[in-house]
């Protein structure tokens, strides 16, 4: 779909973000299971819970617009997931898999931060201040998750990953 106005652009972006969050709930659970380090497992587990809350908030935004929640495939997210699946077919060493998963988590957080960072001002411009506030909560949690993963990644690279 090609958006012809800000309302359509917002709705389309919201649908893609809804898709993203739904896909990442499953991906985070898989990466948690794959990780050998407790700190990595905990980070993915906690963010999976937050991601479910993000889905709930997005569903609330759809309700505010008197629409049923609808997901629209986001090819960037689909590509990240496909890359992860392809990586796994090479049966990587556990240490390499842990580091790959940290990087994959960071990539998805950056992407989500960009998505929310674009949706929020559009919602505000459309006079949807309550929706913008809900999306802002998601954005802050994505930024916190990125910060946590970045810290874990740095510690991991120096062999100093904390145990939870």
N, C-alpha and C. Protein backbone atom coordinates (compact mmCIF):
# COMPACT_ATOMS: atom_id res chain seq x y z
N UNK A 1 0.84 -1.18 0.00
CA UNK A 1 0.00 0.00 0.00
C UNK A 1 0.89 1.24 0.00
N UNK A 2 0.48 2.20 -0.74
CA UNK A 2 1.16 3.49 -0.77
C UNK A 2 0.27 4.47 0.00
N UNK A 3 0.83 5.05 1.04
CA UNK A 3 0.07 5.98 1.85
C UNK A 3 -0.03 7.32 1.15
N UNK A 4 -1.23 7.87 1.14
CA UNK A 4 -1.46 9.16 0.50
C UNK A 4 -1.58 10.31 1.49
N UNK A 5 -1.66 9.97 2.79
CA UNK A 5 -1.76 11.01 3.80
C UNK A 5 -1.19 10.47 5.11
N UNK A 6 -1.05 11.35 6.09
CA UNK A 6 -0.46 10.95 7.37
C UNK A 6 -1.28 9.89 8.09
N UNK A 7 -2.58 9.96 7.99
CA UNK A 7 -3.43 8.96 8.64
C UNK A 7 -3.14 7.57 8.07
N UNK A 8 -3.07 7.46 6.76
CA UNK A 8 -2.76 6.17 6.14
C UNK A 8 -1.35 5.72 6.49
N UNK A 9 -0.41 6.65 6.52
CA UNK A 9 0.97 6.32 6.86
C UNK A 9 1.05 5.80 8.30
N UNK A 10 0.32 6.45 9.20
CA UNK A 10 0.29 6.00 10.59
C UNK A 10 -0.31 4.61 10.70
N UNK A 11 -1.46 4.39 10.09
CA UNK A 11 -2.13 3.09 10.18
C UNK A 11 -1.26 1.98 9.61
N UNK A 12 -0.62 2.26 8.49
CA UNK A 12 0.25 1.27 7.86
C UNK A 12 1.45 0.96 8.76
N UNK A 13 2.06 2.00 9.32
CA UNK A 13 3.19 1.81 10.22
C UNK A 13 2.79 1.06 11.48
N UNK A 14 1.60 1.35 12.00
CA UNK A 14 1.11 0.67 13.18
C UNK A 14 0.91 -0.82 12.90
N UNK A 15 0.37 -1.13 11.74
CA UNK A 15 0.16 -2.54 11.36
C UNK A 15 1.49 -3.27 11.24
N UNK A 16 2.48 -2.62 10.66
CA UNK A 16 3.79 -3.25 10.53
C UNK A 16 4.45 -3.42 11.90
N UNK A 17 4.28 -2.45 12.77
CA UNK A 17 4.87 -2.55 14.11
C UNK A 17 4.17 -3.64 14.91
N UNK A 18 2.89 -3.79 14.71
CA UNK A 18 2.13 -4.87 15.35
C UNK A 18 2.68 -6.22 14.89
N UNK A 19 2.91 -6.36 13.60
CA UNK A 19 3.51 -7.58 13.04
C UNK A 19 4.88 -7.82 13.69
N UNK A 20 5.69 -6.76 13.74
CA UNK A 20 7.03 -6.87 14.29
C UNK A 20 7.00 -7.40 15.72
N UNK A 21 6.18 -6.78 16.55
CA UNK A 21 6.12 -7.20 17.95
C UNK A 21 5.63 -8.65 18.07
N UNK A 22 4.65 -9.03 17.27
CA UNK A 22 4.15 -10.41 17.32
C UNK A 22 5.25 -11.40 16.94
N UNK A 23 6.00 -11.09 15.91
CA UNK A 23 7.08 -11.98 15.47
C UNK A 23 8.18 -12.06 16.52
N UNK A 24 8.46 -10.95 17.17
CA UNK A 24 9.56 -10.92 18.13
C UNK A 24 9.24 -11.63 19.43
N UNK A 25 7.97 -11.74 19.80
CA UNK A 25 7.62 -12.53 20.99
C UNK A 25 8.15 -13.95 20.81
N UNK A 26 7.89 -14.53 19.66
CA UNK A 26 8.35 -15.90 19.39
C UNK A 26 9.86 -15.96 19.24
N UNK A 27 10.44 -14.99 18.55
CA UNK A 27 11.89 -14.99 18.33
C UNK A 27 12.64 -14.85 19.65
N UNK A 28 12.15 -13.99 20.55
CA UNK A 28 12.80 -13.81 21.84
C UNK A 28 12.75 -15.09 22.67
N UNK A 29 11.65 -15.79 22.59
CA UNK A 29 11.55 -17.06 23.32
C UNK A 29 12.56 -18.07 22.77
N UNK A 30 12.69 -18.11 21.47
CA UNK A 30 13.66 -19.03 20.84
C UNK A 30 15.09 -18.65 21.22
N UNK A 31 15.41 -17.36 21.18
CA UNK A 31 16.77 -16.94 21.52
C UNK A 31 17.07 -17.18 23.00
N UNK A 32 16.07 -17.04 23.84
CA UNK A 32 16.26 -17.35 25.26
C UNK A 32 16.64 -18.82 25.43
N UNK A 33 15.92 -19.71 24.75
CA UNK A 33 16.20 -21.15 24.83
C UNK A 33 17.59 -21.48 24.29
N UNK A 34 18.01 -20.76 23.26
CA UNK A 34 19.29 -21.06 22.61
C UNK A 34 20.49 -20.56 23.40
N UNK A 35 20.28 -19.60 24.27
CA UNK A 35 21.40 -18.96 24.97
C UNK A 35 21.91 -19.83 26.11
N UNK A 36 23.23 -19.81 26.30
CA UNK A 36 23.84 -20.60 27.37
C UNK A 36 24.13 -19.76 28.61
N UNK A 37 24.13 -18.44 28.46
CA UNK A 37 24.46 -17.55 29.56
C UNK A 37 23.17 -17.06 30.23
N UNK A 38 23.15 -17.12 31.55
CA UNK A 38 21.95 -16.73 32.31
C UNK A 38 21.57 -15.27 32.06
N UNK A 39 22.55 -14.38 31.98
CA UNK A 39 22.26 -12.96 31.77
C UNK A 39 21.57 -12.74 30.43
N UNK A 40 21.98 -13.47 29.43
CA UNK A 40 21.37 -13.35 28.10
C UNK A 40 19.96 -13.91 28.14
N UNK A 41 19.81 -15.07 28.76
CA UNK A 41 18.48 -15.68 28.88
C UNK A 41 17.52 -14.74 29.61
N UNK A 42 17.99 -14.15 30.70
CA UNK A 42 17.15 -13.25 31.47
C UNK A 42 16.74 -12.02 30.66
N UNK A 43 17.70 -11.45 29.93
CA UNK A 43 17.39 -10.27 29.11
C UNK A 43 16.32 -10.60 28.07
N UNK A 44 16.46 -11.73 27.40
CA UNK A 44 15.48 -12.10 26.38
C UNK A 44 14.13 -12.42 27.02
N UNK A 45 14.13 -13.08 28.17
CA UNK A 45 12.89 -13.42 28.85
C UNK A 45 12.14 -12.17 29.30
N UNK A 46 12.86 -11.25 29.93
CA UNK A 46 12.23 -10.03 30.41
C UNK A 46 11.69 -9.20 29.24
N UNK A 47 12.47 -9.13 28.16
CA UNK A 47 12.00 -8.32 27.04
C UNK A 47 10.84 -9.01 26.31
N UNK A 48 10.78 -10.33 26.37
CA UNK A 48 9.63 -11.03 25.78
C UNK A 48 8.36 -10.62 26.51
N UNK A 49 8.42 -10.52 27.83
CA UNK A 49 7.26 -10.07 28.62
C UNK A 49 6.88 -8.64 28.25
N UNK A 50 7.89 -7.78 28.12
CA UNK A 50 7.62 -6.40 27.72
C UNK A 50 7.03 -6.35 26.31
N UNK A 51 7.51 -7.21 25.44
CA UNK A 51 7.02 -7.23 24.06
C UNK A 51 5.54 -7.59 24.03
N UNK A 52 5.12 -8.49 24.89
CA UNK A 52 3.69 -8.81 24.97
C UNK A 52 2.91 -7.57 25.42
N UNK A 53 3.48 -6.79 26.34
CA UNK A 53 2.84 -5.54 26.74
C UNK A 53 2.79 -4.55 25.58
N UNK A 54 3.82 -4.54 24.75
CA UNK A 54 3.83 -3.66 23.57
C UNK A 54 2.68 -4.03 22.64
N UNK A 55 2.48 -5.33 22.46
CA UNK A 55 1.37 -5.80 21.63
C UNK A 55 0.04 -5.31 22.22
N UNK A 56 -0.10 -5.45 23.52
CA UNK A 56 -1.33 -5.01 24.18
C UNK A 56 -1.55 -3.50 23.98
N UNK A 57 -0.48 -2.72 24.09
CA UNK A 57 -0.62 -1.27 23.90
C UNK A 57 -0.99 -0.94 22.46
N UNK A 58 -0.38 -1.63 21.52
CA UNK A 58 -0.73 -1.39 20.11
C UNK A 58 -2.19 -1.76 19.87
N UNK A 59 -2.64 -2.84 20.46
CA UNK A 59 -4.05 -3.22 20.32
C UNK A 59 -4.96 -2.13 20.91
N UNK A 60 -4.52 -1.51 21.98
CA UNK A 60 -5.28 -0.40 22.56
C UNK A 60 -5.35 0.77 21.59
N UNK A 61 -4.23 1.04 20.91
CA UNK A 61 -4.22 2.12 19.92
C UNK A 61 -5.22 1.80 18.79
N UNK A 62 -5.23 0.56 18.33
CA UNK A 62 -6.22 0.18 17.31
C UNK A 62 -7.64 0.42 17.83
N UNK A 63 -7.89 0.04 19.08
CA UNK A 63 -9.22 0.25 19.68
C UNK A 63 -9.57 1.74 19.72
N UNK A 64 -8.59 2.58 20.03
CA UNK A 64 -8.82 4.03 20.05
C UNK A 64 -9.25 4.54 18.68
N UNK A 65 -8.81 3.84 17.64
CA UNK A 65 -9.15 4.24 16.27
C UNK A 65 -10.39 3.50 15.78
N UNK A 66 -11.04 2.74 16.69
CA UNK A 66 -12.22 1.94 16.33
C UNK A 66 -11.91 0.94 15.22
N UNK A 67 -10.74 0.32 15.31
CA UNK A 67 -10.33 -0.69 14.33
C UNK A 67 -9.92 -1.96 15.04
N UNK A 68 -10.10 -3.06 14.32
CA UNK A 68 -9.60 -4.34 14.81
C UNK A 68 -8.09 -4.36 14.59
N UNK A 69 -7.32 -4.88 15.55
CA UNK A 69 -5.88 -4.99 15.33
C UNK A 69 -5.58 -5.82 14.08
N UNK A 70 -4.67 -5.32 13.30
CA UNK A 70 -4.30 -6.01 12.05
C UNK A 70 -2.80 -5.90 11.86
N UNK A 71 -2.19 -7.04 11.55
CA UNK A 71 -0.75 -7.06 11.28
C UNK A 71 -0.51 -7.01 9.78
N UNK A 72 0.53 -6.31 9.42
CA UNK A 72 0.98 -6.24 8.03
C UNK A 72 2.44 -6.67 8.00
N UNK A 73 2.76 -7.63 7.17
CA UNK A 73 4.12 -8.14 7.09
C UNK A 73 5.11 -7.01 6.89
N UNK A 74 6.14 -7.04 7.69
CA UNK A 74 7.24 -6.10 7.58
C UNK A 74 8.43 -6.89 7.05
N UNK A 75 8.81 -6.62 5.82
CA UNK A 75 9.84 -7.41 5.18
C UNK A 75 11.20 -7.29 5.85
N UNK A 76 11.48 -6.18 6.49
CA UNK A 76 12.76 -6.03 7.20
C UNK A 76 12.82 -7.02 8.36
N UNK A 77 11.75 -7.11 9.13
CA UNK A 77 11.70 -8.03 10.26
C UNK A 77 11.69 -9.47 9.76
N UNK A 78 10.93 -9.71 8.73
CA UNK A 78 10.90 -11.04 8.13
C UNK A 78 12.31 -11.45 7.71
N UNK A 79 13.07 -10.52 7.14
CA UNK A 79 14.44 -10.79 6.72
C UNK A 79 15.35 -11.09 7.91
N UNK A 80 15.20 -10.34 9.00
CA UNK A 80 16.02 -10.61 10.20
C UNK A 80 15.76 -12.02 10.73
N UNK A 81 14.51 -12.42 10.73
CA UNK A 81 14.15 -13.75 11.22
C UNK A 81 14.68 -14.82 10.28
N UNK A 82 14.56 -14.59 8.98
CA UNK A 82 15.09 -15.56 8.00
C UNK A 82 16.61 -15.67 8.11
N UNK A 83 17.29 -14.55 8.32
CA UNK A 83 18.75 -14.59 8.50
C UNK A 83 19.11 -15.42 9.72
N UNK A 84 18.35 -15.27 10.80
CA UNK A 84 18.61 -16.04 12.02
C UNK A 84 18.43 -17.53 11.76
N UNK A 85 17.35 -17.88 11.08
CA UNK A 85 17.09 -19.29 10.77
C UNK A 85 18.20 -19.87 9.89
N UNK A 86 18.64 -19.09 8.92
CA UNK A 86 19.73 -19.55 8.05
C UNK A 86 21.02 -19.73 8.83
N UNK A 87 21.31 -18.80 9.74
CA UNK A 87 22.50 -18.90 10.57
C UNK A 87 22.49 -20.21 11.36
N UNK A 88 21.33 -20.56 11.90
CA UNK A 88 21.22 -21.77 12.71
C UNK A 88 21.50 -23.04 11.91
N UNK A 89 21.26 -23.01 10.61
CA UNK A 89 21.49 -24.21 9.78
C UNK A 89 22.97 -24.56 9.70
N UNK A 90 23.84 -23.62 10.06
CA UNK A 90 25.28 -23.86 10.02
C UNK A 90 25.80 -24.46 11.32
N UNK A 91 24.89 -24.74 12.25
CA UNK A 91 25.22 -25.36 13.54
C UNK A 91 26.41 -24.66 14.21
N UNK A 92 26.23 -23.38 14.54
CA UNK A 92 27.34 -22.62 15.12
C UNK A 92 27.72 -23.10 16.52
N UNK A 93 28.95 -22.86 16.87
CA UNK A 93 29.47 -23.07 18.22
C UNK A 93 28.60 -22.26 19.19
N UNK A 94 28.39 -22.74 20.40
CA UNK A 94 27.51 -22.08 21.37
C UNK A 94 27.94 -20.64 21.66
N UNK A 95 29.23 -20.42 21.80
CA UNK A 95 29.74 -19.07 22.07
C UNK A 95 29.38 -18.12 20.92
N UNK A 96 29.53 -18.60 19.71
CA UNK A 96 29.21 -17.80 18.52
C UNK A 96 27.71 -17.55 18.45
N UNK A 97 26.92 -18.56 18.76
CA UNK A 97 25.46 -18.41 18.74
C UNK A 97 25.02 -17.38 19.78
N UNK A 98 25.59 -17.44 20.96
CA UNK A 98 25.24 -16.45 21.99
C UNK A 98 25.53 -15.04 21.49
N UNK A 99 26.71 -14.84 20.91
CA UNK A 99 27.07 -13.49 20.44
C UNK A 99 26.18 -13.07 19.27
N UNK A 100 25.87 -14.02 18.38
CA UNK A 100 24.98 -13.72 17.25
C UNK A 100 23.61 -13.28 17.76
N UNK A 101 23.10 -13.97 18.77
CA UNK A 101 21.78 -13.64 19.30
C UNK A 101 21.77 -12.26 19.97
N UNK A 102 22.86 -11.92 20.64
CA UNK A 102 22.95 -10.58 21.22
C UNK A 102 22.86 -9.54 20.10
N UNK A 103 23.63 -9.76 19.04
CA UNK A 103 23.63 -8.82 17.91
C UNK A 103 22.26 -8.77 17.23
N UNK A 104 21.62 -9.92 17.08
CA UNK A 104 20.29 -9.97 16.46
C UNK A 104 19.29 -9.18 17.30
N UNK A 105 19.39 -9.33 18.61
CA UNK A 105 18.52 -8.57 19.51
C UNK A 105 18.75 -7.08 19.38
N UNK A 106 20.02 -6.68 19.30
CA UNK A 106 20.34 -5.26 19.15
C UNK A 106 19.79 -4.71 17.83
N UNK A 107 19.94 -5.47 16.76
CA UNK A 107 19.42 -5.03 15.46
C UNK A 107 17.91 -4.81 15.53
N UNK A 108 17.21 -5.75 16.13
CA UNK A 108 15.75 -5.62 16.18
C UNK A 108 15.35 -4.44 17.07
N UNK A 109 16.09 -4.20 18.14
CA UNK A 109 15.78 -3.05 19.00
C UNK A 109 15.98 -1.74 18.25
N UNK A 110 17.08 -1.63 17.52
CA UNK A 110 17.31 -0.42 16.72
C UNK A 110 16.15 -0.20 15.74
N UNK A 111 15.72 -1.26 15.11
CA UNK A 111 14.64 -1.17 14.13
C UNK A 111 13.34 -0.73 14.80
N UNK A 112 13.03 -1.33 15.94
CA UNK A 112 11.80 -0.96 16.65
C UNK A 112 11.86 0.48 17.15
N UNK A 113 13.01 0.90 17.62
CA UNK A 113 13.18 2.28 18.08
C UNK A 113 12.89 3.24 16.92
N UNK A 114 13.39 2.92 15.75
CA UNK A 114 13.13 3.77 14.58
C UNK A 114 11.64 3.78 14.24
N UNK A 115 11.00 2.62 14.31
CA UNK A 115 9.57 2.54 13.99
C UNK A 115 8.75 3.39 14.95
N UNK A 116 8.97 3.21 16.25
CA UNK A 116 8.23 4.00 17.23
C UNK A 116 8.59 5.48 17.14
N UNK A 117 9.85 5.75 16.89
CA UNK A 117 10.29 7.14 16.75
C UNK A 117 9.63 7.86 15.60
N UNK A 118 9.16 7.13 14.62
CA UNK A 118 8.42 7.72 13.51
C UNK A 118 6.92 7.75 13.76
N UNK A 119 6.39 6.75 14.42
CA UNK A 119 4.95 6.70 14.68
C UNK A 119 4.49 7.76 15.69
N UNK A 120 5.28 7.99 16.70
CA UNK A 120 4.88 8.89 17.79
C UNK A 120 4.59 10.31 17.29
N UNK A 121 5.49 10.95 16.54
CA UNK A 121 5.15 12.31 16.10
C UNK A 121 3.99 12.35 15.11
N UNK A 122 3.81 11.29 14.34
CA UNK A 122 2.67 11.27 13.42
C UNK A 122 1.37 11.19 14.22
N UNK A 123 1.36 10.32 15.24
CA UNK A 123 0.17 10.22 16.10
C UNK A 123 -0.12 11.57 16.74
N UNK A 124 0.91 12.24 17.24
CA UNK A 124 0.72 13.55 17.87
C UNK A 124 0.19 14.55 16.85
N UNK A 125 0.73 14.52 15.66
CA UNK A 125 0.28 15.45 14.61
C UNK A 125 -1.18 15.21 14.24
N UNK A 126 -1.60 13.95 14.32
CA UNK A 126 -2.99 13.59 14.01
C UNK A 126 -3.93 13.85 15.20
N UNK A 127 -3.38 14.38 16.30
CA UNK A 127 -4.20 14.67 17.47
C UNK A 127 -4.49 13.45 18.32
N UNK A 128 -3.71 12.40 18.14
CA UNK A 128 -3.91 11.16 18.87
C UNK A 128 -2.90 11.10 20.03
N UNK A 129 -3.04 12.05 20.94
CA UNK A 129 -2.06 12.18 22.02
C UNK A 129 -2.02 10.95 22.93
N UNK A 130 -3.17 10.35 23.23
CA UNK A 130 -3.18 9.15 24.07
C UNK A 130 -2.46 8.00 23.38
N UNK A 131 -2.65 7.87 22.08
CA UNK A 131 -1.96 6.83 21.31
C UNK A 131 -0.46 7.11 21.32
N UNK A 132 -0.09 8.36 21.13
CA UNK A 132 1.33 8.73 21.14
C UNK A 132 1.96 8.39 22.49
N UNK A 133 1.22 8.61 23.58
CA UNK A 133 1.74 8.28 24.91
C UNK A 133 1.98 6.78 25.08
N UNK A 134 1.05 5.97 24.59
CA UNK A 134 1.22 4.51 24.67
C UNK A 134 2.43 4.06 23.85
N UNK A 135 2.57 4.61 22.67
CA UNK A 135 3.70 4.25 21.81
C UNK A 135 5.02 4.74 22.40
N UNK A 136 4.96 5.86 23.10
CA UNK A 136 6.15 6.39 23.79
C UNK A 136 6.60 5.43 24.88
N UNK A 137 5.66 4.81 25.58
CA UNK A 137 6.02 3.81 26.60
C UNK A 137 6.78 2.66 25.94
N UNK A 138 6.27 2.21 24.81
CA UNK A 138 6.95 1.13 24.08
C UNK A 138 8.35 1.56 23.68
N UNK A 139 8.47 2.77 23.16
CA UNK A 139 9.77 3.28 22.73
C UNK A 139 10.77 3.29 23.88
N UNK A 140 10.36 3.78 25.03
CA UNK A 140 11.27 3.82 26.18
C UNK A 140 11.74 2.43 26.58
N UNK A 141 10.83 1.46 26.54
CA UNK A 141 11.19 0.09 26.89
C UNK A 141 12.12 -0.52 25.85
N UNK A 142 11.92 -0.18 24.59
CA UNK A 142 12.83 -0.66 23.54
C UNK A 142 14.22 -0.07 23.75
N UNK A 143 14.29 1.20 24.10
CA UNK A 143 15.59 1.84 24.35
C UNK A 143 16.28 1.19 25.54
N UNK A 144 15.52 0.89 26.59
CA UNK A 144 16.10 0.23 27.76
C UNK A 144 16.61 -1.17 27.40
N UNK A 145 15.85 -1.89 26.58
CA UNK A 145 16.27 -3.24 26.17
C UNK A 145 17.55 -3.17 25.34
N UNK A 146 17.64 -2.17 24.46
CA UNK A 146 18.85 -2.00 23.67
C UNK A 146 20.04 -1.71 24.58
N UNK A 147 19.86 -0.83 25.53
CA UNK A 147 20.94 -0.51 26.47
C UNK A 147 21.40 -1.76 27.22
N UNK A 148 20.44 -2.55 27.66
CA UNK A 148 20.80 -3.77 28.39
C UNK A 148 21.56 -4.75 27.50
N UNK A 149 21.06 -4.97 26.28
CA UNK A 149 21.74 -5.88 25.36
C UNK A 149 23.13 -5.37 24.98
N UNK A 150 23.25 -4.07 24.83
CA UNK A 150 24.56 -3.49 24.49
C UNK A 150 25.55 -3.73 25.62
N UNK A 151 25.10 -3.56 26.85
CA UNK A 151 25.96 -3.82 27.99
C UNK A 151 26.35 -5.29 28.09
N UNK A 152 25.39 -6.17 27.85
CA UNK A 152 25.68 -7.61 27.87
C UNK A 152 26.65 -7.96 26.75
N UNK A 153 26.45 -7.38 25.57
CA UNK A 153 27.34 -7.64 24.45
C UNK A 153 28.77 -7.21 24.74
N UNK A 154 28.91 -6.05 25.33
CA UNK A 154 30.25 -5.56 25.67
C UNK A 154 30.91 -6.46 26.70
N UNK A 155 30.16 -6.83 27.73
CA UNK A 155 30.70 -7.73 28.75
C UNK A 155 31.04 -9.10 28.15
N UNK A 156 30.19 -9.57 27.27
CA UNK A 156 30.40 -10.86 26.62
C UNK A 156 31.70 -10.85 25.83
N UNK A 157 31.93 -9.76 25.12
CA UNK A 157 33.13 -9.66 24.29
C UNK A 157 34.41 -9.69 25.13
N UNK A 158 34.31 -9.27 26.39
CA UNK A 158 35.46 -9.27 27.29
C UNK A 158 35.43 -10.44 28.27
N UNK A 159 34.52 -11.40 28.01
CA UNK A 159 34.45 -12.58 28.85
C UNK A 159 33.95 -12.31 30.26
N UNK A 160 33.11 -11.28 30.38
CA UNK A 160 32.66 -10.88 31.72
C UNK A 160 31.14 -10.82 31.84
N UNK A 161 30.44 -11.72 31.18
CA UNK A 161 28.97 -11.70 31.23
C UNK A 161 28.53 -12.03 32.65
N UNK A 162 27.72 -11.15 33.26
CA UNK A 162 27.22 -11.44 34.61
C UNK A 162 26.25 -12.61 34.60
N UNK A 163 26.10 -13.29 35.69
CA UNK A 163 25.21 -14.46 35.76
C UNK A 163 23.82 -14.05 36.22
N UNK A 164 23.13 -13.26 35.41
CA UNK A 164 21.75 -12.91 35.73
C UNK A 164 21.65 -11.58 36.25
